[in-house]
Amino acid sequence: MHLLILYTTTACRLCEQAEKLLVKTLDFAIFECNQVDIISSNELLERYGVRIPVLVCGKSGQELNWPFNSSELHGFAQRVVALAP
């Protein structure tokens, strides 16, 4: 299973769009996707405050910044899988 982290915050329309795209595009038999609200940490607020939503590979730290479409998300997912040993 490959871990992805979606950095978001509450009441974020763009974050909601990204979440819907993840549900539509990713195979959750292969990917585990955790949402992290950036409000939980000053460090996360500083890093992602003006960039959310951001999807991050839990293993490599690679980031996919919004806006992204299903094709870009699919390519990112393929790169994540390719990194696996």
PDB file of N, CA and C in Angstrom:
ATOM      1  N   MET A   1       0.846  -1.178   0.000  1.00  0.00           N
ATOM      2  CA  MET A   1       0.000   0.000   0.000  1.00  0.00           C
ATOM      3  C   MET A   1       0.890   1.238   0.000  1.00  0.00           C
ATOM      4  N   HIS A   2       0.540   2.203  -0.802  1.00  0.00           N
ATOM      5  CA  HIS A   2       1.307   3.442  -0.934  1.00  0.00           C
ATOM      6  C   HIS A   2       0.561   4.566  -0.231  1.00  0.00           C
ATOM      7  N   LEU A   3       1.270   5.261   0.657  1.00  0.00           N
ATOM      8  CA  LEU A   3       0.663   6.330   1.442  1.00  0.00           C
ATOM      9  C   LEU A   3       0.772   7.659   0.720  1.00  0.00           C
ATOM     10  N   LEU A   4      -0.358   8.331   0.601  1.00  0.00           N
ATOM     11  CA  LEU A   4      -0.426   9.695   0.095  1.00  0.00           C
ATOM     12  C   LEU A   4      -1.051  10.562   1.174  1.00  0.00           C
ATOM     13  N   ILE A   5      -0.586  11.774   1.279  1.00  0.00           N
ATOM     14  CA  ILE A   5      -1.118  12.720   2.265  1.00  0.00           C
ATOM     15  C   ILE A   5      -1.662  13.924   1.511  1.00  0.00           C
ATOM     16  N   LEU A   6      -2.915  14.247   1.778  1.00  0.00           N
ATOM     17  CA  LEU A   6      -3.537  15.432   1.184  1.00  0.00           C
ATOM     18  C   LEU A   6      -3.611  16.507   2.259  1.00  0.00           C
ATOM     19  N   TYR A   7      -2.815  17.566   2.081  1.00  0.00           N
ATOM     20  CA  TYR A   7      -2.837  18.682   3.015  1.00  0.00           C
ATOM     21  C   TYR A   7      -3.986  19.607   2.634  1.00  0.00           C
ATOM     22  N   THR A   8      -4.857  19.865   3.594  1.00  0.00           N
ATOM     23  CA  THR A   8      -6.088  20.614   3.368  1.00  0.00           C
ATOM     24  C   THR A   8      -6.375  21.503   4.574  1.00  0.00           C
ATOM     25  N   THR A   9      -7.539  22.121   4.532  1.00  0.00           N
ATOM     26  CA  THR A   9      -8.108  22.774   5.707  1.00  0.00           C
ATOM     27  C   THR A   9      -9.624  22.790   5.526  1.00  0.00           C
ATOM     28  N   THR A  10     -10.330  23.080   6.591  1.00  0.00           N
ATOM     29  CA  THR A  10     -11.788  23.066   6.532  1.00  0.00           C
ATOM     30  C   THR A  10     -12.311  24.221   5.689  1.00  0.00           C
ATOM     31  N   ALA A  11     -13.465  24.007   5.107  1.00  0.00           N
ATOM     32  CA  ALA A  11     -14.163  25.016   4.305  1.00  0.00           C
ATOM     33  C   ALA A  11     -13.324  25.521   3.135  1.00  0.00           C
ATOM     34  N   CYS A  12     -12.539  24.642   2.558  1.00  0.00           N
ATOM     35  CA  CYS A  12     -11.704  24.995   1.408  1.00  0.00           C
ATOM     36  C   CYS A  12     -12.315  24.350   0.160  1.00  0.00           C
ATOM     37  N   ARG A  13     -12.870  25.172  -0.703  1.00  0.00           N
ATOM     38  CA  ARG A  13     -13.535  24.679  -1.912  1.00  0.00           C
ATOM     39  C   ARG A  13     -12.559  23.921  -2.815  1.00  0.00           C
ATOM     40  N   LEU A  14     -11.346  24.418  -2.937  1.00  0.00           N
ATOM     41  CA  LEU A  14     -10.344  23.748  -3.774  1.00  0.00           C
ATOM     42  C   LEU A  14      -9.963  22.391  -3.189  1.00  0.00           C
ATOM     43  N   CYS A  15      -9.874  22.318  -1.873  1.00  0.00           N
ATOM     44  CA  CYS A  15      -9.559  21.051  -1.203  1.00  0.00           C
ATOM     45  C   CYS A  15     -10.667  20.034  -1.453  1.00  0.00           C
ATOM     46  N   GLU A  16     -11.902  20.474  -1.417  1.00  0.00           N
ATOM     47  CA  GLU A  16     -13.035  19.587  -1.691  1.00  0.00           C
ATOM     48  C   GLU A  16     -12.975  19.073  -3.128  1.00  0.00           C
ATOM     49  N   GLN A  17     -12.595  19.929  -4.064  1.00  0.00           N
ATOM     50  CA  GLN A  17     -12.457  19.505  -5.459  1.00  0.00           C
ATOM     51  C   GLN A  17     -11.346  18.471  -5.602  1.00  0.00           C
ATOM     52  N   ALA A  18     -10.233  18.704  -4.933  1.00  0.00           N
ATOM     53  CA  ALA A  18      -9.109  17.765  -4.985  1.00  0.00           C
ATOM     54  C   ALA A  18      -9.506  16.418  -4.401  1.00  0.00           C
ATOM     55  N   GLU A  19     -10.224  16.441  -3.291  1.00  0.00           N
ATOM     56  CA  GLU A  19     -10.662  15.197  -2.655  1.00  0.00           C
ATOM     57  C   GLU A  19     -11.557  14.398  -3.596  1.00  0.00           C
ATOM     58  N   LYS A  20     -12.490  15.055  -4.243  1.00  0.00           N
ATOM     59  CA  LYS A  20     -13.367  14.371  -5.194  1.00  0.00           C
ATOM     60  C   LYS A  20     -12.574  13.768  -6.342  1.00  0.00           C
ATOM     61  N   LEU A  21     -11.570  14.485  -6.813  1.00  0.00           N
ATOM     62  CA  LEU A  21     -10.733  13.985  -7.893  1.00  0.00           C
ATOM     63  C   LEU A  21      -9.935  12.761  -7.447  1.00  0.00           C
ATOM     64  N   LEU A  22      -9.441  12.775  -6.220  1.00  0.00           N
ATOM     65  CA  LEU A  22      -8.726  11.617  -5.686  1.00  0.00           C
ATOM     66  C   LEU A  22      -9.632  10.396  -5.644  1.00  0.00           C
ATOM     67  N   VAL A  23     -10.836  10.581  -5.160  1.00  0.00           N
ATOM     68  CA  VAL A  23     -11.793   9.468  -5.056  1.00  0.00           C
ATOM     69  C   VAL A  23     -12.102   8.898  -6.433  1.00  0.00           C
ATOM     70  N   LYS A  24     -12.236   9.778  -7.424  1.00  0.00           N
ATOM     71  CA  LYS A  24     -12.549   9.357  -8.785  1.00  0.00           C
ATOM     72  C   LYS A  24     -11.372   8.680  -9.493  1.00  0.00           C
ATOM     73  N   THR A  25     -10.153   9.059  -9.150  1.00  0.00           N
ATOM     74  CA  THR A  25      -8.994   8.670  -9.936  1.00  0.00           C
ATOM     75  C   THR A  25      -8.166   7.543  -9.329  1.00  0.00           C
ATOM     76  N   LEU A  26      -7.997   7.534  -8.012  1.00  0.00           N
ATOM     77  CA  LEU A  26      -7.079   6.589  -7.384  1.00  0.00           C
ATOM     78  C   LEU A  26      -7.724   5.245  -7.093  1.00  0.00           C
ATOM     79  N   ASP A  27      -6.927   4.205  -7.147  1.00  0.00           N
ATOM     80  CA  ASP A  27      -7.341   2.856  -6.760  1.00  0.00           C
ATOM     81  C   ASP A  27      -6.977   2.686  -5.286  1.00  0.00           C
ATOM     82  N   PHE A  28      -7.980   2.672  -4.415  1.00  0.00           N
ATOM     83  CA  PHE A  28      -7.726   2.627  -2.980  1.00  0.00           C
ATOM     84  C   PHE A  28      -7.362   1.235  -2.485  1.00  0.00           C
ATOM     85  N   ALA A  29      -7.234   0.270  -3.400  1.00  0.00           N
ATOM     86  CA  ALA A  29      -6.629  -1.010  -3.057  1.00  0.00           C
ATOM     87  C   ALA A  29      -5.100  -0.876  -3.106  1.00  0.00           C
ATOM     88  N   ILE A  30      -4.624   0.148  -3.799  1.00  0.00           N
ATOM     89  CA  ILE A  30      -3.186   0.391  -3.952  1.00  0.00           C
ATOM     90  C   ILE A  30      -2.723   1.566  -3.099  1.00  0.00           C
ATOM     91  N   PHE A  31      -3.596   2.554  -2.923  1.00  0.00           N
ATOM     92  CA  PHE A  31      -3.224   3.788  -2.225  1.00  0.00           C
ATOM     93  C   PHE A  31      -4.039   3.981  -0.954  1.00  0.00           C
ATOM     94  N   GLU A  32      -3.337   4.423   0.070  1.00  0.00           N
ATOM     95  CA  GLU A  32      -3.984   4.916   1.280  1.00  0.00           C
ATOM     96  C   GLU A  32      -3.795   6.420   1.261  1.00  0.00           C
ATOM     97  N   CYS A  33      -4.873   7.156   1.406  1.00  0.00           N
ATOM     98  CA  CYS A  33      -4.790   8.613   1.344  1.00  0.00           C
ATOM     99  C   CYS A  33      -5.301   9.202   2.654  1.00  0.00           C
ATOM    100  N   ASN A  34      -4.414   9.868   3.350  1.00  0.00           N
ATOM    101  CA  ASN A  34      -4.775  10.519   4.606  1.00  0.00           C
ATOM    102  C   ASN A  34      -4.871  12.018   4.387  1.00  0.00           C
ATOM    103  N   GLN A  35      -5.871  12.624   5.002  1.00  0.00           N
ATOM    104  CA  GLN A  35      -6.007  14.077   4.954  1.00  0.00           C
ATOM    105  C   GLN A  35      -5.442  14.664   6.234  1.00  0.00           C
ATOM    106  N   VAL A  36      -4.677  15.724   6.073  1.00  0.00           N
ATOM    107  CA  VAL A  36      -4.115  16.420   7.227  1.00  0.00           C
ATOM    108  C   VAL A  36      -4.520  17.883   7.116  1.00  0.00           C
ATOM    109  N   ASP A  37      -5.180  18.369   8.161  1.00  0.00           N
ATOM    110  CA  ASP A  37      -5.583  19.773   8.212  1.00  0.00           C
ATOM    111  C   ASP A  37      -4.380  20.598   8.652  1.00  0.00           C
ATOM    112  N   ILE A  38      -3.964  21.524   7.823  1.00  0.00           N
ATOM    113  CA  ILE A  38      -2.757  22.292   8.117  1.00  0.00           C
ATOM    114  C   ILE A  38      -2.903  23.186   9.343  1.00  0.00           C
ATOM    115  N   ILE A  39      -4.123  23.404   9.784  1.00  0.00           N
ATOM    116  CA  ILE A  39      -4.346  24.244  10.961  1.00  0.00           C
ATOM    117  C   ILE A  39      -3.800  23.570  12.229  1.00  0.00           C
ATOM    118  N   SER A  40      -3.516  22.258  12.132  1.00  0.00           N
ATOM    119  CA  SER A  40      -3.043  21.505  13.294  1.00  0.00           C
ATOM    120  C   SER A  40      -1.592  21.803  13.659  1.00  0.00           C
ATOM    121  N   SER A  41      -0.885  22.539  12.806  1.00  0.00           N
ATOM    122  CA  SER A  41       0.533  22.768  13.052  1.00  0.00           C
ATOM    123  C   SER A  41       0.981  24.102  12.448  1.00  0.00           C
ATOM    124  N   ASN A  42       1.707  24.876  13.231  1.00  0.00           N
ATOM    125  CA  ASN A  42       2.250  26.133  12.708  1.00  0.00           C
ATOM    126  C   ASN A  42       3.201  25.881  11.553  1.00  0.00           C
ATOM    127  N   GLU A  43       3.973  24.800  11.644  1.00  0.00           N
ATOM    128  CA  GLU A  43       4.909  24.447  10.568  1.00  0.00           C
ATOM    129  C   GLU A  43       4.157  24.154   9.272  1.00  0.00           C
ATOM    130  N   LEU A  44       3.058  23.389   9.367  1.00  0.00           N
ATOM    131  CA  LEU A  44       2.262  23.079   8.180  1.00  0.00           C
ATOM    132  C   LEU A  44       1.593  24.332   7.624  1.00  0.00           C
ATOM    133  N   LEU A  45       1.110  25.183   8.510  1.00  0.00           N
ATOM    134  CA  LEU A  45       0.509  26.455   8.071  1.00  0.00           C
ATOM    135  C   LEU A  45       1.516  27.287   7.290  1.00  0.00           C
ATOM    136  N   GLU A  46       2.727  27.348   7.813  1.00  0.00           N
ATOM    137  CA  GLU A  46       3.766  28.136   7.149  1.00  0.00           C
ATOM    138  C   GLU A  46       4.138  27.518   5.796  1.00  0.00           C
ATOM    139  N   ARG A  47       4.227  26.200   5.754  1.00  0.00           N
ATOM    140  CA  ARG A  47       4.674  25.531   4.530  1.00  0.00           C
ATOM    141  C   ARG A  47       3.603  25.484   3.444  1.00  0.00           C
ATOM    142  N   TYR A  48       2.344  25.203   3.845  1.00  0.00           N
ATOM    143  CA  TYR A  48       1.295  24.953   2.857  1.00  0.00           C
ATOM    144  C   TYR A  48       0.179  25.989   2.848  1.00  0.00           C
ATOM    145  N   GLY A  49       0.246  26.987   3.700  1.00  0.00           N
ATOM    146  CA  GLY A  49      -0.843  27.929   3.889  1.00  0.00           C
ATOM    147  C   GLY A  49      -1.444  28.528   2.634  1.00  0.00           C
ATOM    148  N   VAL A  50      -0.633  28.887   1.676  1.00  0.00           N
ATOM    149  CA  VAL A  50      -1.163  29.497   0.454  1.00  0.00           C
ATOM    150  C   VAL A  50      -1.137  28.541  -0.733  1.00  0.00           C
ATOM    151  N   ARG A  51      -0.774  27.271  -0.479  1.00  0.00           N
ATOM    152  CA  ARG A  51      -0.643  26.317  -1.587  1.00  0.00           C
ATOM    153  C   ARG A  51      -1.670  25.194  -1.565  1.00  0.00           C
ATOM    154  N   ILE A  52      -2.448  25.059  -0.507  1.00  0.00           N
ATOM    155  CA  ILE A  52      -3.351  23.912  -0.413  1.00  0.00           C
ATOM    156  C   ILE A  52      -4.412  23.965  -1.494  1.00  0.00           C
ATOM    157  N   PRO A  53      -4.867  22.809  -1.899  1.00  0.00           N
ATOM    158  CA  PRO A  53      -4.476  21.466  -1.478  1.00  0.00           C
ATOM    159  C   PRO A  53      -3.163  21.027  -2.126  1.00  0.00           C
ATOM    160  N   VAL A  54      -2.409  20.240  -1.371  1.00  0.00           N
ATOM    161  CA  VAL A  54      -1.163  19.658  -1.861  1.00  0.00           C
ATOM    162  C   VAL A  54      -1.192  18.179  -1.525  1.00  0.00           C
ATOM    163  N   LEU A  55      -0.888  17.344  -2.521  1.00  0.00           N
ATOM    164  CA  LEU A  55      -0.816  15.897  -2.340  1.00  0.00           C
ATOM    165  C   LEU A  55       0.655  15.519  -2.241  1.00  0.00           C
ATOM    166  N   VAL A  56       1.004  14.749  -1.209  1.00  0.00           N
ATOM    167  CA  VAL A  56       2.396  14.405  -0.948  1.00  0.00           C
ATOM    168  C   VAL A  56       2.534  12.895  -0.838  1.00  0.00           C
ATOM    169  N   CYS A  57       3.585  12.370  -1.467  1.00  0.00           N
ATOM    170  CA  CYS A  57       3.918  10.953  -1.337  1.00  0.00           C
ATOM    171  C   CYS A  57       4.545  10.746   0.031  1.00  0.00           C
ATOM    172  N   GLY A  58       3.978   9.834   0.815  1.00  0.00           N
ATOM    173  CA  GLY A  58       4.486   9.579   2.154  1.00  0.00           C
ATOM    174  C   GLY A  58       5.906   9.046   2.171  1.00  0.00           C
ATOM    175  N   LYS A  59       6.313   8.349   1.127  1.00  0.00           N
ATOM    176  CA  LYS A  59       7.646   7.740   1.091  1.00  0.00           C
ATOM    177  C   LYS A  59       8.713   8.714   0.592  1.00  0.00           C
ATOM    178  N   SER A  60       8.468   9.355  -0.517  1.00  0.00           N
ATOM    179  CA  SER A  60       9.499  10.189  -1.149  1.00  0.00           C
ATOM    180  C   SER A  60       9.393  11.669  -0.808  1.00  0.00           C
ATOM    181  N   GLY A  61       8.215  12.092  -0.382  1.00  0.00           N
ATOM    182  CA  GLY A  61       7.998  13.514  -0.126  1.00  0.00           C
ATOM    183  C   GLY A  61       7.680  14.319  -1.379  1.00  0.00           C
ATOM    184  N   GLN A  62       7.601  13.633  -2.541  1.00  0.00           N
ATOM    185  CA  GLN A  62       7.234  14.342  -3.770  1.00  0.00           C
ATOM    186  C   GLN A  62       5.875  14.993  -3.589  1.00  0.00           C
ATOM    187  N   GLU A  63       5.709  16.174  -4.160  1.00  0.00           N
ATOM    188  CA  GLU A  63       4.474  16.931  -4.019  1.00  0.00           C
ATOM    189  C   GLU A  63       3.795  17.142  -5.361  1.00  0.00           C
ATOM    190  N   LEU A  64       2.481  17.106  -5.323  1.00  0.00           N
ATOM    191  CA  LEU A  64       1.651  17.477  -6.465  1.00  0.00           C
ATOM    192  C   LEU A  64       0.795  18.646  -6.003  1.00  0.00           C
ATOM    193  N   ASN A  65       1.089  19.819  -6.560  1.00  0.00           N
ATOM    194  CA  ASN A  65       0.411  21.046  -6.145  1.00  0.00           C
ATOM    195  C   ASN A  65      -0.837  21.297  -6.979  1.00  0.00           C
ATOM    196  N   TRP A  66      -1.832  21.853  -6.350  1.00  0.00           N
ATOM    197  CA  TRP A  66      -3.060  22.268  -7.020  1.00  0.00           C
ATOM    198  C   TRP A  66      -2.761  23.499  -7.857  1.00  0.00           C
ATOM    199  N   PRO A  67      -3.322  23.629  -9.018  1.00  0.00           N
ATOM    200  CA  PRO A  67      -4.359  22.772  -9.587  1.00  0.00           C
ATOM    201  C   PRO A  67      -3.753  21.579 -10.329  1.00  0.00           C
ATOM    202  N   PHE A  68      -4.413  20.416 -10.182  1.00  0.00           N
ATOM    203  CA  PHE A  68      -4.045  19.241 -10.949  1.00  0.00           C
ATOM    204  C   PHE A  68      -5.308  18.583 -11.456  1.00  0.00           C
ATOM    205  N   ASN A  69      -5.175  17.908 -12.597  1.00  0.00           N
ATOM    206  CA  ASN A  69      -6.326  17.220 -13.184  1.00  0.00           C
ATOM    207  C   ASN A  69      -6.129  15.710 -13.053  1.00  0.00           C
ATOM    208  N   SER A  70      -7.063  14.938 -13.553  1.00  0.00           N
ATOM    209  CA  SER A  70      -6.992  13.486 -13.395  1.00  0.00           C
ATOM    210  C   SER A  70      -5.777  12.897 -14.103  1.00  0.00           C
ATOM    211  N   SER A  71      -5.393  13.465 -15.226  1.00  0.00           N
ATOM    212  CA  SER A  71      -4.222  12.973 -15.956  1.00  0.00           C
ATOM    213  C   SER A  71      -2.941  13.218 -15.150  1.00  0.00           C
ATOM    214  N   GLU A  72      -2.813  14.403 -14.595  1.00  0.00           N
ATOM    215  CA  GLU A  72      -1.636  14.724 -13.774  1.00  0.00           C
ATOM    216  C   GLU A  72      -1.616  13.881 -12.498  1.00  0.00           C
ATOM    217  N   LEU A  73      -2.774  13.669 -11.898  1.00  0.00           N
ATOM    218  CA  LEU A  73      -2.877  12.833 -10.710  1.00  0.00           C
ATOM    219  C   LEU A  73      -2.498  11.389 -11.036  1.00  0.00           C
ATOM    220  N   HIS A  74      -2.962  10.896 -12.157  1.00  0.00           N
ATOM    221  CA  HIS A  74      -2.631   9.532 -12.575  1.00  0.00           C
ATOM    222  C   HIS A  74      -1.120   9.393 -12.777  1.00  0.00           C
ATOM    223  N   GLY A  75      -0.483  10.360 -13.422  1.00  0.00           N
ATOM    224  CA  GLY A  75       0.966  10.334 -13.617  1.00  0.00           C
ATOM    225  C   GLY A  75       1.719  10.368 -12.296  1.00  0.00           C
ATOM    226  N   PHE A  76       1.254  11.189 -11.362  1.00  0.00           N
ATOM    227  CA  PHE A  76       1.860  11.262 -10.033  1.00  0.00           C
ATOM    228  C   PHE A  76       1.747   9.908  -9.343  1.00  0.00           C
ATOM    229  N   ALA A  77       0.565   9.296  -9.416  1.00  0.00           N
ATOM    230  CA  ALA A  77       0.347   7.984  -8.799  1.00  0.00           C
ATOM    231  C   ALA A  77       1.274   6.933  -9.406  1.00  0.00           C
ATOM    232  N   GLN A  78       1.471   6.967 -10.707  1.00  0.00           N
ATOM    233  CA  GLN A  78       2.378   6.023 -11.366  1.00  0.00           C
ATOM    234  C   GLN A  78       3.820   6.211 -10.877  1.00  0.00           C
ATOM    235  N   ARG A  79       4.235   7.450 -10.690  1.00  0.00           N
ATOM    236  CA  ARG A  79       5.586   7.717 -10.183  1.00  0.00           C
ATOM    237  C   ARG A  79       5.743   7.207  -8.748  1.00  0.00           C
ATOM    238  N   VAL A  80       4.701   7.364  -7.951  1.00  0.00           N
ATOM    239  CA  VAL A  80       4.730   6.864  -6.563  1.00  0.00           C
ATOM    240  C   VAL A  80       4.910   5.349  -6.555  1.00  0.00           C
ATOM    241  N   VAL A  81       4.162   4.668  -7.393  1.00  0.00           N
ATOM    242  CA  VAL A  81       4.250   3.200  -7.468  1.00  0.00           C
ATOM    243  C   VAL A  81       5.639   2.785  -7.958  1.00  0.00           C
ATOM    244  N   ALA A  82       6.188   3.516  -8.913  1.00  0.00           N
ATOM    245  CA  ALA A  82       7.496   3.179  -9.470  1.00  0.00           C
ATOM    246  C   ALA A  82       8.609   3.311  -8.431  1.00  0.00           C
ATOM    247  N   LEU A  83       8.408   4.132  -7.403  1.00  0.00           N
ATOM    248  CA  LEU A  83       9.407   4.319  -6.362  1.00  0.00           C
ATOM    249  C   LEU A  83       9.480   3.139  -5.401  1.00  0.00           C
ATOM    250  N   ALA A  84       8.432   2.328  -5.390  1.00  0.00           N
ATOM    251  CA  ALA A  84       8.363   1.215  -4.431  1.00  0.00           C
ATOM    252  C   ALA A  84       9.433   0.176  -4.766  1.00  0.00           C
ATOM    253  N   PRO A  85      10.024  -0.413  -3.726  1.00  0.00           N
ATOM    254  CA  PRO A  85      11.045  -1.450  -3.959  1.00  0.00           C
ATOM    255  C   PRO A  85      10.450  -2.710  -4.536  1.00  0.00           C
TER     256      PRO A  85
END
